[in-house]
Amino acid sequence: MFPLHEPLDEKLREELAAYDDLTAALLARRGITSKDSAKAFLSPSYDEHVHDPLLMTDMPRAARRLADAILTKEKIAVWSDYDSDGIPGGVLLHDFLKKAEANFENYIPHRHLEGYGMNKDGIGALAKRGVTLIVTVDSGITDLEPVAHAKELGIDVIVTDHHLPGASLPDAFAVVNPHARADEPYPFHELCGAGVAWKLVVATLATEPSLRERIPLGWEKWLLDMVATATVADMVPLIGENRVLATYGLLVLRKSPRIGLQKLLRIMRTDQRSLTEDDIGFMIAPRINAASRMGDARDAFDLLATDDESLADTLAKKLESANRKRKAEAGAITRAVHARLKERESMPSVIALGDPEWRPALLGLVAGNIADEFERPVFLWGREGNMRLKGSMRSGGKTHALELMRATEDTFEDFGGHAAAGGFTVKNDAVFFLEERLVEALAKLDQTLDEDLSAHADADIAMTDVTDAFYAKVQHLAPFGIENPKPVFLLREVPVRAISRFGKGEEHLKLSLGDARAIEAVTFFAKGALARTADALAAGALVHALVHLERDTFSRGNPIRFRLLDIRMA
């Protein structure tokens, strides 16, 4: 049976006495244990809970330099990453610099031809176009040689990033990154790349009051649509200042005048007025990422930055097409992996496969599906445009991804990641022994992941508890994400009315649960133990179900439904 979280102790329950039992418990499980922190979490305030950007190390220097470049019409280049953090960050700096009447251009490196981060060729091209200041977004913190090259060419670089640095910082004009220094005084360190870039905008406006002649007071809040998009898409913790920026950014998104966003939402049949963090994570972000994975990231940038309706229409359709192509190619790779695994007599403890024809940018998606299905670590590799063998891995939920790669580090040119996932570049001479070495390393590796806390239910509920009022109470804690997960509920001994599969390959599962009142429960890409249990179910069976609550936005009246996380026979 699924375990429940421990109830609150009396002292903590008394501290959170202003809230009902469920809300108090959910707050406490998120580390919110005082009246003041509970109020800040449930009622985030832009005026009270957004920190002064000038507190960040090097921010005053960066803001002054950017303001001077704007006022003197220096040629500025915004160098942003090509993903769903870097692109929104590049867009918000584009909007700011355009509004400030600056002389600037946006540069986005090509994912397959240039790779991540700054590079000397791109910097050289910018120098020839007269650029004297580069502002990075979501990149630059480890680009020591490119930044030094820019300095040799007479270009100042302002690095804005949120990734961890290497052994030393780049020799840039300014390095603005809350993770760059152990003694960073800025109160919140978990901003995404676009969040740091937005902070530079706010700091520049505060540093140079004359810019307010061009930019009205408060206009910068309109840029929070891009900050919220990046904050959710890049999966940074949705707590503290990120929660404030995401909350207000969602409000902006719901009424954003961006014609490209509106066109994309129409194609996706998503109502802009009721956008949620799920719409960003599962609908908008994949299409932004599809641009670089399947072609050129510039398409996603132009879609979000343009005010040309015809261009917006063309680009929205192009991104939708790229996303369909991404799904098709990922599906083809998945089928190829299945075919190769089927040929094996036994399944190794670590799956490692590759093909020079596979796009590395798609392999994280496929590795995640295969790892979930076979419940073990999966490494998949392909060949980049620069001929490097690059790939992604997913842990399967039981092995620490980064520790496994560290245990075989002599196999990789470079690698990185966290407990559940990672990326790597494998050495050419080691690729033929990759799986063998990983299997050997796993056998010696003692460190495994703790039991997934999502397996613990936040509350035991009955079907009669699932009302609009109860759903509203849960949604008070939204937006949900990393470190603020959606609450998990346990339904005990609930009857299954009907079972069905849907999707082109019938890969998704739908159950009708309940007796007197039926509620739909769905899970997408049902795999592993959940799929095996579902295959053994018959109408009339009693089950224990672990679920999230959500709205079905594609059905009339947007009824509440369950997102099925796990299911067991009662």
Protein backbone atom coordinates (compact mmCIF):
# COMPACT_ATOMS: atom_id res chain seq x y z
CA MET A 1 0.00 0.00 0.00
CA PHE A 2 1.15 3.55 -0.63
CA PRO A 3 2.51 5.30 2.49
CA LEU A 4 1.17 8.60 3.81
CA HIS A 5 3.30 11.49 5.02
CA GLU A 6 3.62 11.84 8.76
CA PRO A 7 1.05 14.22 10.33
CA LEU A 8 2.20 17.57 11.70
CA ASP A 9 3.32 17.79 15.28
CA GLU A 10 1.28 19.94 17.64
CA LYS A 11 3.75 22.84 17.75
CA LEU A 12 3.90 23.19 13.97
CA ARG A 13 0.13 22.81 13.64
CA GLU A 14 -0.31 25.62 16.13
CA GLU A 15 2.09 27.88 14.20
CA LEU A 16 0.01 27.31 11.05
CA ALA A 17 -3.32 27.51 12.88
CA ALA A 18 -4.69 30.04 10.38
CA TYR A 19 -4.92 27.28 7.74
CA ASP A 20 -6.94 24.11 7.38
CA ASP A 21 -5.26 20.75 8.02
CA LEU A 22 -4.43 19.99 4.38
CA THR A 23 -3.02 23.45 3.58
CA ALA A 24 -0.96 23.48 6.78
CA ALA A 25 0.46 20.04 6.00
CA LEU A 26 1.29 20.97 2.40
CA LEU A 27 3.03 24.15 3.55
CA ALA A 28 5.10 22.32 6.15
CA ARG A 29 6.20 19.68 3.63
CA ARG A 30 7.58 22.51 1.51
CA GLY A 31 9.65 23.82 4.40
CA ILE A 32 7.21 26.61 5.22
CA THR A 33 6.92 26.48 8.98
CA SER A 34 6.06 30.00 10.15
CA LYS A 35 3.09 32.33 9.81
CA ASP A 36 5.14 34.91 7.93
CA SER A 37 6.64 32.45 5.43
CA ALA A 38 3.19 30.91 4.87
CA LYS A 39 1.72 34.31 4.09
CA ALA A 40 4.58 35.10 1.67
CA PHE A 41 4.12 31.74 -0.07
CA LEU A 42 0.36 31.88 -0.44
CA SER A 43 0.21 35.60 -1.25
CA PRO A 44 3.38 36.44 -3.20
CA SER A 45 3.87 40.19 -3.59
CA TYR A 46 5.85 41.85 -6.37
CA ASP A 47 6.55 44.89 -4.19
CA GLU A 48 7.47 42.97 -1.04
CA HIS A 49 9.10 39.77 -2.28
CA VAL A 50 11.13 40.74 -5.39
CA HIS A 51 14.71 41.55 -4.38
CA ASP A 52 16.79 44.56 -5.41
CA PRO A 53 18.91 43.39 -8.39
CA LEU A 54 21.71 45.77 -7.48
CA LEU A 55 22.48 43.51 -4.49
CA MET A 56 23.87 40.93 -6.92
CA THR A 57 27.64 40.88 -7.31
CA ASP A 58 28.82 42.82 -10.40
CA MET A 59 25.26 43.95 -11.17
CA PRO A 60 25.93 47.69 -10.55
CA ARG A 61 28.95 47.50 -12.87
CA ALA A 62 27.00 45.57 -15.53
CA ALA A 63 24.00 47.89 -15.38
CA ARG A 64 26.15 51.02 -15.72
CA ARG A 65 28.03 49.53 -18.68
CA LEU A 66 24.82 48.51 -20.46
CA ALA A 67 23.19 51.88 -19.82
CA ASP A 68 26.20 53.71 -21.22
CA ALA A 69 26.22 51.49 -24.31
CA ILE A 70 22.53 52.22 -24.90
CA LEU A 71 22.94 55.98 -24.52
CA THR A 72 26.04 56.22 -26.74
CA LYS A 73 24.63 53.89 -29.44
CA GLU A 74 27.42 51.35 -29.10
CA LYS A 75 26.73 48.15 -31.01
CA ILE A 76 25.46 45.59 -28.47
CA ALA A 77 25.01 41.86 -29.08
CA VAL A 78 22.79 39.67 -26.92
CA TRP A 79 24.24 36.14 -26.99
CA SER A 80 21.61 33.72 -25.69
CA ASP A 81 21.33 29.98 -25.42
CA TYR A 82 19.06 28.13 -27.86
CA ASP A 83 16.73 26.46 -25.33
CA SER A 84 13.50 27.43 -23.57
CA ASP A 85 15.42 29.48 -21.00
CA GLY A 86 17.90 31.24 -23.27
CA ILE A 87 15.39 32.11 -25.99
CA PRO A 88 12.86 33.83 -23.69
CA GLY A 89 15.79 35.59 -22.02
CA GLY A 90 17.05 36.78 -25.40
CA VAL A 91 13.54 37.95 -26.28
CA LEU A 92 13.13 40.03 -23.13
CA LEU A 93 16.49 41.75 -23.68
CA HIS A 94 15.49 42.33 -27.31
CA ASP A 95 12.25 43.99 -26.17
CA PHE A 96 14.08 46.13 -23.61
CA LEU A 97 16.84 47.26 -25.95
CA LYS A 98 14.35 47.99 -28.72
CA LYS A 99 12.23 50.06 -26.32
CA ALA A 100 15.40 51.84 -25.12
CA GLU A 101 16.28 52.70 -28.75
CA ALA A 102 19.61 50.86 -28.50
CA ASN A 103 21.86 49.77 -31.36
CA PHE A 104 21.85 46.00 -30.97
CA GLU A 105 21.40 42.54 -32.44
CA ASN A 106 20.55 39.11 -31.04
CA TYR A 107 22.90 36.19 -31.62
CA ILE A 108 21.81 32.59 -31.00
CA PRO A 109 24.40 29.89 -31.74
CA HIS A 110 23.21 27.01 -33.94
CA ARG A 111 22.70 23.96 -31.75
CA HIS A 112 24.14 21.40 -34.19
CA LEU A 113 26.81 23.51 -35.90
CA GLU A 114 28.13 25.62 -33.02
CA GLY A 115 26.98 23.88 -29.86
CA TYR A 116 26.28 25.34 -26.45
CA GLY A 117 27.85 28.55 -25.19
CA MET A 118 30.08 31.18 -26.73
CA ASN A 119 32.54 30.38 -29.51
CA LYS A 120 35.41 32.24 -31.13
CA ASP A 121 34.00 32.19 -34.67
CA GLY A 122 30.74 33.76 -33.58
CA ILE A 123 32.56 36.40 -31.55
CA GLY A 124 34.79 37.18 -34.53
CA ALA A 125 31.75 37.66 -36.75
CA LEU A 126 30.21 40.03 -34.21
CA ALA A 127 33.46 42.01 -34.00
CA LYS A 128 33.42 42.48 -37.78
CA ARG A 129 29.89 43.88 -37.47
CA GLY A 130 31.13 46.50 -35.02
CA VAL A 131 29.97 44.95 -31.73
CA THR A 132 31.77 46.34 -28.68
CA LEU A 133 29.60 44.85 -25.93
CA ILE A 134 28.21 41.30 -25.62
CA VAL A 135 25.60 40.41 -23.01
CA THR A 136 25.16 36.69 -22.54
CA VAL A 137 21.95 35.00 -21.44
CA ASP A 138 21.89 31.56 -19.83
CA SER A 139 25.49 30.92 -20.89
CA GLY A 140 29.04 32.20 -20.59
CA ILE A 141 30.02 31.18 -17.07
CA THR A 142 32.36 28.40 -18.29
CA ASP A 143 33.40 30.06 -21.58
CA LEU A 144 36.83 31.24 -20.43
CA GLU A 145 38.59 31.09 -23.81
CA PRO A 146 35.79 32.72 -25.86
CA VAL A 147 35.47 35.55 -23.32
CA ALA A 148 39.25 36.08 -23.41
CA HIS A 149 39.08 36.13 -27.22
CA ALA A 150 36.36 38.79 -27.10
CA LYS A 151 38.57 40.89 -24.82
CA GLU A 152 41.45 40.58 -27.30
CA LEU A 153 39.13 41.92 -30.01
CA GLY A 154 38.18 44.91 -27.86
CA ILE A 155 34.74 43.60 -26.90
CA ASP A 156 33.50 43.85 -23.33
CA VAL A 157 31.43 40.88 -22.12
CA ILE A 158 28.72 40.97 -19.48
CA VAL A 159 28.01 37.40 -18.48
CA THR A 160 24.51 36.76 -17.16
CA ASP A 161 24.05 33.11 -16.31
CA HIS A 162 22.79 30.79 -13.59
CA HIS A 163 24.86 27.66 -14.23
CA LEU A 164 27.65 26.55 -11.91
CA PRO A 165 31.10 27.90 -12.80
CA GLY A 166 34.24 25.89 -13.42
CA ALA A 167 37.44 26.23 -11.41
CA SER A 168 37.66 29.94 -12.26
CA LEU A 169 35.41 32.68 -13.60
CA PRO A 170 35.75 34.13 -17.10
CA ASP A 171 37.73 37.37 -17.39
CA ALA A 172 34.62 39.33 -18.34
CA PHE A 173 33.75 42.98 -17.75
CA ALA A 174 31.11 41.73 -15.32
CA VAL A 175 29.92 38.29 -14.20
CA VAL A 176 26.34 38.37 -12.98
CA ASN A 177 25.40 34.94 -11.69
CA PRO A 178 24.00 34.12 -8.24
CA HIS A 179 25.80 30.75 -8.39
CA ALA A 180 29.19 32.15 -9.40
CA ARG A 181 30.61 32.94 -5.96
CA ALA A 182 30.49 31.27 -2.57
CA ASP A 183 29.97 34.64 -0.84
CA GLU A 184 27.21 35.90 -3.19
CA PRO A 185 25.14 38.43 -1.17
CA TYR A 186 22.00 38.25 -3.33
CA PRO A 187 19.23 36.72 -1.16
CA PHE A 188 17.97 34.17 -3.73
CA HIS A 189 20.30 31.98 -5.78
CA GLU A 190 17.92 29.84 -7.86
CA LEU A 191 16.92 32.21 -10.69
CA CYS A 192 16.87 30.81 -14.22
CA GLY A 193 18.96 32.40 -16.97
CA ALA A 194 16.11 34.60 -18.19
CA GLY A 195 15.46 35.64 -14.59
CA VAL A 196 19.04 36.92 -14.25
CA ALA A 197 18.72 38.73 -17.59
CA TRP A 198 15.49 40.38 -16.43
CA LYS A 199 17.26 41.48 -13.25
CA LEU A 200 19.83 43.23 -15.47
CA VAL A 201 17.00 45.10 -17.19
CA VAL A 202 15.54 46.24 -13.86
CA ALA A 203 18.99 47.23 -12.57
CA THR A 204 19.79 49.20 -15.74
CA LEU A 205 16.56 51.18 -15.45
CA ALA A 206 17.33 51.91 -11.80
CA THR A 207 20.91 52.93 -12.62
CA GLU A 208 20.07 55.29 -15.48
CA PRO A 209 16.87 57.30 -14.70
CA SER A 210 17.00 59.05 -18.09
CA LEU A 211 15.93 55.77 -19.72
CA ARG A 212 12.52 56.34 -18.13
CA GLU A 213 11.97 59.01 -20.75
CA ARG A 214 11.77 56.12 -23.23
CA ILE A 215 10.44 53.36 -20.99
CA PRO A 216 7.41 54.03 -18.74
CA LEU A 217 7.56 53.11 -15.05
CA GLY A 218 6.42 49.53 -14.59
CA TRP A 219 6.79 48.57 -18.28
CA GLU A 220 9.43 45.98 -17.33
CA LYS A 221 6.69 43.88 -15.70
CA TRP A 222 5.41 43.04 -19.18
CA LEU A 223 8.66 41.10 -19.69
CA LEU A 224 7.68 38.69 -16.92
CA ASP A 225 5.81 36.57 -19.46
CA MET A 226 9.20 35.49 -20.77
CA VAL A 227 10.62 35.09 -17.24
CA ALA A 228 7.72 32.81 -16.24
CA THR A 229 8.09 30.78 -19.43
CA ALA A 230 11.78 30.21 -18.76
CA THR A 231 11.37 29.65 -15.01
CA VAL A 232 8.87 26.84 -15.55
CA ALA A 233 10.53 25.39 -18.66
CA ASP A 234 14.04 25.28 -17.16
CA MET A 235 12.72 23.50 -14.06
CA VAL A 236 14.40 25.69 -11.47
CA PRO A 237 12.87 25.54 -7.97
CA LEU A 238 9.45 27.21 -7.89
CA ILE A 239 9.97 28.70 -4.46
CA GLY A 240 11.09 32.06 -3.10
CA GLU A 241 11.56 34.76 -5.71
CA ASN A 242 10.97 32.29 -8.55
CA ARG A 243 7.46 31.71 -7.22
CA VAL A 244 6.78 35.45 -7.29
CA LEU A 245 8.14 35.88 -10.82
CA ALA A 246 6.26 32.81 -12.11
CA THR A 247 3.00 33.90 -10.46
CA TYR A 248 3.11 37.41 -11.91
CA GLY A 249 4.53 36.13 -15.18
CA LEU A 250 1.55 33.81 -15.62
CA LEU A 251 -0.74 36.79 -15.10
CA VAL A 252 1.12 38.62 -17.88
CA LEU A 253 1.08 35.55 -20.14
CA ARG A 254 -2.70 35.33 -19.86
CA LYS A 255 -3.03 38.79 -21.40
CA SER A 256 0.25 39.07 -23.29
CA PRO A 257 -0.06 41.02 -26.57
CA ARG A 258 2.69 38.93 -28.22
CA ILE A 259 1.13 38.03 -31.55
CA GLY A 260 3.43 35.03 -32.01
CA LEU A 261 2.43 33.56 -28.66
CA GLN A 262 -1.23 34.07 -29.49
CA LYS A 263 -0.83 32.34 -32.86
CA LEU A 264 0.97 29.40 -31.28
CA LEU A 265 -1.68 29.01 -28.57
CA ARG A 266 -4.44 28.95 -31.20
CA ILE A 267 -2.69 26.18 -33.10
CA MET A 268 -2.34 24.22 -29.84
CA ARG A 269 -6.00 24.91 -28.97
CA THR A 270 -4.91 26.37 -25.64
CA ASP A 271 -6.91 29.16 -24.00
CA GLN A 272 -4.55 32.07 -23.28
CA ARG A 273 -6.84 33.42 -20.56
CA SER A 274 -6.39 30.33 -18.40
CA LEU A 275 -2.75 29.42 -19.08
CA THR A 276 -1.09 27.35 -16.35
CA GLU A 277 2.41 26.17 -15.60
CA ASP A 278 1.46 22.83 -17.18
CA ASP A 279 0.71 24.61 -20.47
CA ILE A 280 4.20 26.11 -20.37
CA GLY A 281 5.93 22.86 -19.44
CA PHE A 282 4.07 20.47 -21.73
CA MET A 283 2.91 22.67 -24.62
CA ILE A 284 4.91 25.89 -25.07
CA ALA A 285 8.41 24.81 -23.98
CA PRO A 286 8.57 21.70 -26.20
CA ARG A 287 7.77 23.83 -29.24
CA ILE A 288 10.41 26.41 -28.32
CA ASN A 289 12.95 23.61 -27.91
CA ALA A 290 11.82 21.92 -31.13
CA ALA A 291 13.11 24.90 -33.11
CA SER A 292 16.75 24.21 -32.20
CA ARG A 293 16.39 20.44 -32.04
CA MET A 294 14.93 20.15 -35.52
CA GLY A 295 16.32 23.25 -37.23
CA ASP A 296 17.18 26.79 -36.13
CA ALA A 297 16.41 28.30 -32.71
CA ARG A 298 15.98 31.65 -34.44
CA ASP A 299 12.49 30.58 -35.49
CA ALA A 300 11.37 30.38 -31.86
CA PHE A 301 13.07 33.67 -31.02
CA ASP A 302 11.47 35.49 -33.97
CA LEU A 303 8.06 34.04 -33.13
CA LEU A 304 8.15 35.52 -29.62
CA ALA A 305 9.80 38.80 -30.60
CA THR A 306 7.95 39.76 -33.78
CA ASP A 307 5.02 42.17 -34.08
CA ASP A 308 4.41 41.12 -37.71
CA GLU A 309 1.18 39.10 -37.81
CA SER A 310 1.98 37.36 -41.09
CA LEU A 311 5.44 36.31 -39.92
CA ALA A 312 4.00 35.18 -36.58
CA ASP A 313 1.45 33.00 -38.37
CA THR A 314 4.15 31.41 -40.53
CA LEU A 315 6.50 30.79 -37.61
CA ALA A 316 3.79 29.36 -35.34
CA LYS A 317 2.94 26.81 -38.02
CA LYS A 318 6.64 26.11 -38.54
CA LEU A 319 7.20 25.42 -34.84
CA GLU A 320 4.15 23.19 -34.67
CA SER A 321 5.48 21.27 -37.68
CA ALA A 322 8.94 21.03 -36.07
CA ASN A 323 7.38 19.66 -32.89
CA ARG A 324 5.48 17.01 -34.87
CA LYS A 325 8.69 16.10 -36.66
CA ARG A 326 10.47 15.92 -33.29
CA LYS A 327 7.86 13.48 -32.00
CA ALA A 328 8.08 11.39 -35.18
CA GLU A 329 11.89 11.18 -35.07
CA ALA A 330 11.86 10.43 -31.33
CA GLY A 331 9.30 7.71 -32.04
CA ALA A 332 11.51 6.23 -34.76
CA ILE A 333 14.51 6.18 -32.39
CA THR A 334 12.36 4.56 -29.70
CA ARG A 335 11.30 1.83 -32.13
CA ALA A 336 14.92 1.28 -33.15
CA VAL A 337 15.94 0.93 -29.48
CA HIS A 338 13.10 -1.56 -28.88
CA ALA A 339 14.15 -3.59 -31.92
CA ARG A 340 17.75 -3.81 -30.74
CA LEU A 341 16.75 -4.72 -27.21
CA LYS A 342 14.42 -7.42 -28.51
CA GLU A 343 17.37 -9.12 -30.18
CA ARG A 344 19.12 -9.58 -26.85
CA GLU A 345 18.94 -12.77 -24.84
CA SER A 346 19.02 -10.88 -21.54
CA MET A 347 18.60 -7.30 -20.39
CA PRO A 348 21.69 -5.63 -18.86
CA SER A 349 21.43 -3.58 -15.67
CA VAL A 350 22.34 -0.48 -17.72
CA ILE A 351 21.18 0.05 -21.31
CA ALA A 352 23.65 1.94 -23.52
CA LEU A 353 22.95 2.25 -27.23
CA GLY A 354 23.78 4.68 -30.00
CA ASP A 355 23.75 5.45 -33.68
CA PRO A 356 25.65 8.16 -35.56
CA GLU A 357 22.37 9.02 -37.33
CA TRP A 358 20.45 9.80 -34.13
CA ARG A 359 20.04 13.47 -33.23
CA PRO A 360 21.57 13.99 -29.75
CA ALA A 361 19.02 16.73 -29.06
CA LEU A 362 16.21 14.14 -29.11
CA LEU A 363 17.85 11.46 -27.02
CA GLY A 364 16.89 12.77 -23.58
CA LEU A 365 13.22 12.34 -24.45
CA VAL A 366 13.75 8.79 -25.72
CA ALA A 367 16.08 7.79 -22.86
CA GLY A 368 13.44 8.91 -20.36
CA ASN A 369 10.78 6.73 -21.95
CA ILE A 370 13.04 3.68 -22.18
CA ALA A 371 14.30 4.14 -18.60
CA ASP A 372 10.73 4.34 -17.31
CA GLU A 373 9.70 1.30 -19.32
CA PHE A 374 12.60 -0.96 -18.31
CA GLU A 375 13.17 0.63 -14.87
CA ARG A 376 16.94 0.95 -15.17
CA PRO A 377 19.52 3.55 -16.30
CA VAL A 378 19.56 4.27 -20.04
CA PHE A 379 22.36 5.96 -22.04
CA LEU A 380 21.70 6.90 -25.67
CA TRP A 381 24.19 8.64 -27.97
CA GLY A 382 24.29 10.13 -31.46
CA ARG A 383 26.66 12.28 -33.51
CA GLU A 384 26.69 16.08 -33.41
CA GLY A 385 27.40 18.28 -36.42
CA ASN A 386 30.93 18.74 -35.04
CA MET A 387 31.33 14.91 -35.16
CA ARG A 388 31.40 14.47 -31.37
CA LEU A 389 29.50 11.51 -29.91
CA LYS A 390 27.03 13.17 -27.59
CA GLY A 391 24.11 11.77 -25.66
CA SER A 392 21.69 11.82 -22.77
CA MET A 393 20.98 9.48 -19.90
CA ARG A 394 18.07 8.94 -17.54
CA SER A 395 18.38 7.06 -14.28
CA GLY A 396 15.16 5.05 -14.27
CA GLY A 397 14.49 6.29 -10.75
CA LYS A 398 16.75 3.92 -8.82
CA THR A 399 20.33 4.96 -9.56
CA HIS A 400 22.02 8.33 -9.06
CA ALA A 401 22.76 9.42 -12.65
CA LEU A 402 25.68 11.71 -11.89
CA GLU A 403 27.34 9.23 -9.53
CA LEU A 404 27.15 6.50 -12.17
CA MET A 405 28.83 8.75 -14.74
CA ARG A 406 31.48 9.75 -12.22
CA ALA A 407 32.21 6.07 -11.63
CA THR A 408 33.01 5.70 -15.35
CA GLU A 409 34.40 9.18 -16.00
CA ASP A 410 37.41 7.93 -17.98
CA THR A 411 34.87 6.83 -20.62
CA PHE A 412 33.57 10.37 -21.21
CA GLU A 413 35.11 13.53 -22.62
CA ASP A 414 32.69 15.48 -20.44
CA PHE A 415 29.44 14.91 -18.60
CA GLY A 416 27.07 16.61 -16.19
CA GLY A 417 23.66 16.34 -14.63
CA HIS A 418 21.93 15.48 -11.37
CA ALA A 419 20.32 12.51 -9.65
CA ALA A 420 17.74 11.68 -12.30
CA ALA A 421 19.30 12.76 -15.60
CA GLY A 422 22.45 13.86 -17.35
CA GLY A 423 24.24 14.59 -20.58
CA PHE A 424 27.58 13.31 -21.80
CA THR A 425 30.11 13.22 -24.63
CA VAL A 426 31.66 9.78 -24.98
CA LYS A 427 35.23 9.24 -26.14
CA ASN A 428 35.41 7.79 -29.66
CA ASP A 429 37.58 4.86 -28.58
CA ALA A 430 35.33 4.05 -25.60
CA VAL A 431 31.94 4.01 -27.30
CA PHE A 432 32.12 0.28 -28.15
CA PHE A 433 32.65 -0.59 -24.47
CA LEU A 434 30.29 2.00 -22.98
CA GLU A 435 27.57 -0.39 -21.82
CA GLU A 436 30.02 -2.94 -20.44
CA ARG A 437 31.83 -0.30 -18.37
CA LEU A 438 28.59 1.20 -17.08
CA VAL A 439 27.30 -2.23 -16.02
CA GLU A 440 30.57 -2.88 -14.18
CA ALA A 441 30.42 0.54 -12.50
CA LEU A 442 26.81 0.07 -11.40
CA ALA A 443 27.67 -3.27 -9.79
CA LYS A 444 30.26 -1.51 -7.63
CA LEU A 445 28.19 1.61 -6.98
CA ASP A 446 26.68 1.68 -3.52
CA GLN A 447 24.75 4.93 -3.86
CA THR A 448 21.13 4.60 -4.96
CA LEU A 449 18.33 7.09 -4.90
CA ASP A 450 16.18 7.37 -1.81
CA GLU A 451 12.60 6.21 -2.19
CA ASP A 452 10.76 8.68 -4.39
CA LEU A 453 8.82 10.99 -2.10
CA SER A 454 6.09 11.25 -4.72
CA ALA A 455 5.19 7.73 -3.60
CA HIS A 456 4.03 9.27 -0.32
CA ALA A 457 0.50 10.60 -0.44
CA ASP A 458 -0.22 14.01 1.05
CA ALA A 459 -3.74 13.00 2.07
CA ASP A 460 -6.20 10.15 1.99
CA ILE A 461 -9.32 11.32 0.12
CA ALA A 462 -12.66 9.89 -0.90
CA MET A 463 -14.41 10.44 -4.21
CA THR A 464 -16.88 12.75 -2.45
CA ASP A 465 -14.02 15.04 -1.41
CA VAL A 466 -13.27 15.91 -5.04
CA THR A 467 -15.20 19.18 -5.40
CA ASP A 468 -14.51 22.56 -6.98
CA ALA A 469 -13.93 24.01 -3.49
CA PHE A 470 -11.38 21.31 -2.65
CA TYR A 471 -9.63 21.81 -6.00
CA ALA A 472 -9.46 25.58 -5.39
CA LYS A 473 -7.84 24.93 -2.01
CA VAL A 474 -5.15 22.80 -3.67
CA GLN A 475 -4.60 25.34 -6.45
CA HIS A 476 -3.88 28.03 -3.88
CA LEU A 477 -0.38 26.54 -3.73
CA ALA A 478 0.17 26.81 -7.50
CA PRO A 479 2.20 27.36 -9.62
CA PHE A 480 3.67 23.91 -9.02
CA GLY A 481 7.11 22.71 -10.00
CA ILE A 482 10.49 21.75 -8.60
CA GLU A 483 10.47 21.95 -4.76
CA ASN A 484 6.76 22.80 -4.88
CA PRO A 485 5.35 19.58 -6.33
CA LYS A 486 1.70 19.01 -7.05
CA PRO A 487 -0.04 17.47 -4.02
CA VAL A 488 -0.46 13.71 -4.22
CA PHE A 489 -3.69 12.06 -3.05
CA LEU A 490 -4.53 8.47 -2.21
CA LEU A 491 -7.86 6.91 -3.18
CA ARG A 492 -8.51 3.64 -1.37
CA GLU A 493 -10.56 0.74 -2.70
CA VAL A 494 -12.18 2.70 -5.49
CA PRO A 495 -14.03 0.68 -8.16
CA VAL A 496 -12.91 0.74 -11.80
CA ARG A 497 -15.91 1.32 -14.08
CA ALA A 498 -14.11 1.20 -17.39
CA ILE A 499 -10.60 0.90 -18.87
CA SER A 500 -9.48 2.21 -22.22
CA ARG A 501 -6.37 3.18 -24.16
CA PHE A 502 -6.01 6.17 -26.46
CA GLY A 503 -3.46 7.83 -28.71
CA LYS A 504 -2.21 6.74 -32.14
CA GLY A 505 -0.40 3.77 -30.64
CA GLU A 506 -2.81 3.39 -27.72
CA GLU A 507 0.08 4.37 -25.48
CA HIS A 508 -2.07 6.42 -23.07
CA LEU A 509 -4.33 4.99 -20.38
CA LYS A 510 -7.77 6.16 -19.23
CA LEU A 511 -9.75 4.76 -16.31
CA SER A 512 -13.22 5.67 -15.14
CA LEU A 513 -13.13 5.50 -11.34
CA GLY A 514 -15.94 5.60 -8.82
CA ASP A 515 -19.29 4.07 -8.03
CA ALA A 516 -22.09 6.61 -7.53
CA ARG A 517 -20.00 9.27 -9.27
CA ALA A 518 -17.36 8.53 -11.88
CA ILE A 519 -14.24 10.63 -12.41
CA GLU A 520 -11.82 10.14 -15.28
CA ALA A 521 -8.21 9.21 -14.47
CA VAL A 522 -5.56 9.44 -17.18
CA THR A 523 -1.88 8.78 -17.57
CA PHE A 524 0.18 9.48 -20.67
CA PHE A 525 2.72 7.00 -22.00
CA ALA A 526 1.82 4.35 -19.42
CA LYS A 527 4.95 2.28 -18.75
CA GLY A 528 6.56 0.04 -16.19
CA ALA A 529 4.71 -1.27 -13.15
CA LEU A 530 1.71 1.01 -13.73
CA ALA A 531 1.19 -0.37 -17.24
CA ARG A 532 1.54 -3.96 -16.04
CA THR A 533 -1.09 -3.42 -13.33
CA ALA A 534 -3.43 -1.70 -15.80
CA ASP A 535 -3.09 -4.60 -18.25
CA ALA A 536 -4.30 -6.98 -15.54
CA LEU A 537 -7.32 -4.85 -14.59
CA ALA A 538 -10.93 -5.62 -15.43
CA ALA A 539 -14.04 -3.50 -15.01
CA GLY A 540 -15.38 -3.86 -11.49
CA ALA A 541 -11.96 -4.31 -9.87
CA LEU A 542 -11.18 -2.40 -6.68
CA VAL A 543 -7.93 -0.44 -6.71
CA HIS A 544 -5.83 1.91 -4.63
CA ALA A 545 -4.83 4.88 -6.79
CA LEU A 546 -2.22 7.59 -6.34
CA VAL A 547 -3.28 10.77 -8.18
CA HIS A 548 -2.89 14.48 -8.81
CA LEU A 549 -5.96 16.66 -9.38
CA GLU A 550 -6.23 18.69 -12.58
CA ARG A 551 -8.72 20.28 -14.95
CA ASP A 552 -9.59 18.61 -18.24
CA THR A 553 -9.33 21.71 -20.43
CA PHE A 554 -10.36 19.82 -23.57
CA SER A 555 -13.76 18.71 -22.25
CA ARG A 556 -16.86 20.83 -21.96
CA GLY A 557 -17.06 22.57 -18.58
CA ASN A 558 -13.40 21.75 -17.78
CA PRO A 559 -14.27 19.03 -15.22
CA ILE A 560 -11.85 17.91 -12.53
CA ARG A 561 -10.02 14.72 -13.41
CA PHE A 562 -7.25 12.62 -11.90
CA ARG A 563 -3.72 12.37 -13.29
CA LEU A 564 -2.88 8.77 -12.43
CA LEU A 565 0.58 8.34 -10.88
CA ASP A 566 0.36 4.74 -9.72
CA ILE A 567 -2.25 2.06 -9.17
CA ARG A 568 -2.39 -1.18 -7.21
CA MET A 569 -4.96 -3.89 -6.77
CA ALA A 570 -6.94 -3.52 -3.53
